[in-house]
Amino acid sequence: MAKAFTRSDRVAQQMQRELAELIRLELKDPRIGMVTLTGVEVTRDMSHATVFYTLMQGEAEESQFTLNRSSGWLRSELSKRIKLFKMPELHFEYDRSVEYGMSLDKLIDQAMQTTSPADDEADADKKD
C-alpha cells in the first residue's frame, strides 16, 4: 500500500506554513498586498517548489514580480527554519482557481435567475 503522504508533500506543507508567516510578518513590501498562499508543490527531487497564491487586493502581476524578486531572501529564511540538505528554488504563480470558481458561481446564479415560473410549472407537471 502506498504512503498517504510522500516526503515532498510533507515538505510542501511545512514550506507553505513558514512562507505564509514570513510573507505576513517579515516581508515589508507594499507592492505585495494581502497575499494568501493556496498551495506549494515540490518536485520529487526537491530542487524546485511552485508556490501558488491569491490576492485580496492589489495587482497579480506586480505582486508576482515582487514575490519572485524576494524569492532568494525567502529561500534563505526558509533554510533557517526548515532543515533540508538543499532548499528548493521558489517559483511563485498566481492561483486563478478562486476567480474561476467565482465566475462559475456567477454563471450558476444567472442560470437560476433565467428560469421562469412557467418552466418550473412544466417541470412539476412532468413529475406528476
Protein backbone atom coordinates (compact mmCIF):
# COMPACT_ATOMS: atom_id res chain seq x y z
CA MET A 1 0.00 0.00 0.00
CA ALA A 2 1.32 3.44 -0.93
CA LYS A 3 2.05 6.01 1.73
CA ALA A 4 -0.61 8.65 2.22
CA PHE A 5 1.92 11.47 2.12
CA THR A 6 5.31 11.48 0.50
CA ARG A 7 8.26 13.37 1.90
CA SER A 8 7.84 16.08 -0.74
CA ASP A 9 4.20 16.53 0.35
CA ARG A 10 5.24 17.00 3.97
CA VAL A 11 7.99 19.43 2.98
CA ALA A 12 5.50 21.36 0.82
CA GLN A 13 3.06 21.69 3.72
CA GLN A 14 5.78 22.92 6.07
CA MET A 15 7.08 25.35 3.44
CA GLN A 16 3.57 26.75 2.96
CA ARG A 17 3.18 27.39 6.70
CA GLU A 18 6.60 29.01 7.04
CA LEU A 19 6.30 31.09 3.85
CA ALA A 20 2.89 32.38 4.90
CA GLU A 21 4.35 33.55 8.20
CA LEU A 22 7.43 35.09 6.55
CA ILE A 23 5.38 36.98 3.97
CA ARG A 24 2.85 38.17 6.53
CA LEU A 25 5.27 39.23 9.25
CA GLU A 26 8.65 39.96 7.72
CA LEU A 27 8.24 40.93 4.07
CA LYS A 28 7.52 44.64 4.22
CA ASP A 29 6.95 45.46 0.54
CA PRO A 30 3.70 47.41 -0.05
CA ARG A 31 3.50 46.15 -3.66
CA ILE A 32 2.64 42.67 -2.48
CA GLY A 33 -0.76 43.43 -0.95
CA MET A 34 -2.70 40.84 1.01
CA VAL A 35 -1.32 37.51 -0.17
CA THR A 36 -2.87 34.16 0.70
CA LEU A 37 -0.84 31.06 -0.10
CA THR A 38 -3.12 28.38 -1.53
CA GLY A 39 -0.58 25.63 -2.03
CA VAL A 40 3.00 24.58 -2.60
CA GLU A 41 4.13 21.85 -4.98
CA VAL A 42 7.64 20.48 -4.55
CA THR A 43 9.31 18.36 -7.22
CA ARG A 44 10.30 14.83 -6.23
CA ASP A 45 13.98 15.71 -6.28
CA MET A 46 13.24 18.74 -4.05
CA SER A 47 15.04 21.14 -6.37
CA HIS A 48 12.06 23.37 -7.23
CA ALA A 49 8.93 24.49 -5.42
CA THR A 50 5.99 26.25 -7.04
CA VAL A 51 4.12 28.46 -4.59
CA PHE A 52 0.51 29.26 -5.53
CA TYR A 53 -1.09 32.39 -4.11
CA THR A 54 -4.17 34.59 -4.38
CA LEU A 55 -4.65 38.26 -3.59
CA MET A 56 -7.33 40.05 -1.63
CA GLN A 57 -6.25 43.36 -3.09
CA GLY A 58 -3.55 44.55 -5.44
CA GLU A 59 -2.34 43.57 -8.87
CA ALA A 60 -1.33 40.00 -9.57
CA GLU A 61 1.48 40.91 -11.98
CA GLU A 62 3.09 43.41 -9.63
CA SER A 63 2.79 41.05 -6.68
CA GLN A 64 4.24 38.17 -8.69
CA PHE A 65 7.20 40.31 -9.78
CA THR A 66 7.85 41.34 -6.18
CA LEU A 67 7.48 37.81 -4.80
CA ASN A 68 9.81 36.38 -7.44
CA ARG A 69 12.28 39.15 -6.71
CA SER A 70 12.10 38.31 -2.99
CA SER A 71 12.40 34.56 -3.56
CA GLY A 72 16.13 34.49 -2.75
CA TRP A 73 15.60 36.15 0.62
CA LEU A 74 12.56 33.96 1.34
CA ARG A 75 14.54 30.85 0.41
CA SER A 76 17.38 31.81 2.74
CA GLU A 77 14.96 32.49 5.61
CA LEU A 78 13.23 29.17 4.94
CA SER A 79 16.56 27.36 5.15
CA LYS A 80 16.98 28.76 8.67
CA ARG A 81 13.58 27.41 9.70
CA ILE A 82 13.47 24.09 7.83
CA LYS A 83 16.50 21.83 7.88
CA LEU A 84 16.93 20.32 4.42
CA PHE A 85 20.05 19.29 2.55
CA LYS A 86 19.07 21.69 -0.23
CA MET A 87 16.26 24.24 -0.06
CA PRO A 88 14.17 24.18 -3.26
CA GLU A 89 14.18 27.16 -5.61
CA LEU A 90 10.96 29.13 -5.18
CA HIS A 91 8.70 29.97 -8.12
CA PHE A 92 5.55 32.00 -7.44
CA GLU A 93 2.43 31.52 -9.54
CA TYR A 94 -0.87 33.35 -9.24
CA ASP A 95 -3.69 30.89 -8.48
CA ARG A 96 -6.66 31.63 -10.72
CA SER A 97 -8.83 28.84 -9.31
CA VAL A 98 -10.59 31.21 -6.89
CA GLU A 99 -11.51 33.59 -9.73
CA TYR A 100 -12.61 30.64 -11.85
CA GLY A 101 -14.80 29.32 -9.04
CA MET A 102 -16.39 32.74 -8.52
CA SER A 103 -17.14 33.05 -12.25
CA LEU A 104 -18.76 29.60 -12.25
CA ASP A 105 -20.82 30.57 -9.22
CA LYS A 106 -21.95 33.72 -11.02
CA LEU A 107 -22.92 31.70 -14.11
CA ILE A 108 -24.96 29.30 -11.98
CA ASP A 109 -26.74 32.21 -10.29
CA GLN A 110 -27.54 33.73 -13.70
CA ALA A 111 -28.85 30.41 -14.98
CA MET A 112 -31.08 30.03 -11.92
CA GLN A 113 -32.48 33.55 -12.40
CA THR A 114 -33.28 32.99 -16.08
CA THR A 115 -35.57 30.03 -15.39
CA SER A 116 -39.11 31.35 -15.47
CA PRO A 117 -42.04 30.25 -13.28
CA ALA A 118 -43.59 28.65 -16.39
CA ASP A 119 -40.53 26.39 -16.68
CA ASP A 120 -40.93 25.42 -13.04
CA GLU A 121 -44.62 24.56 -13.60
CA ALA A 122 -43.76 22.49 -16.68
CA ASP A 123 -41.17 20.57 -14.68
CA ALA A 124 -43.73 19.96 -11.92
CA ASP A 125 -46.25 18.64 -14.49
CA LYS A 126 -43.67 16.20 -15.87
CA LYS A 127 -43.03 14.77 -12.41
CA ASP A 128 -46.73 14.05 -11.85
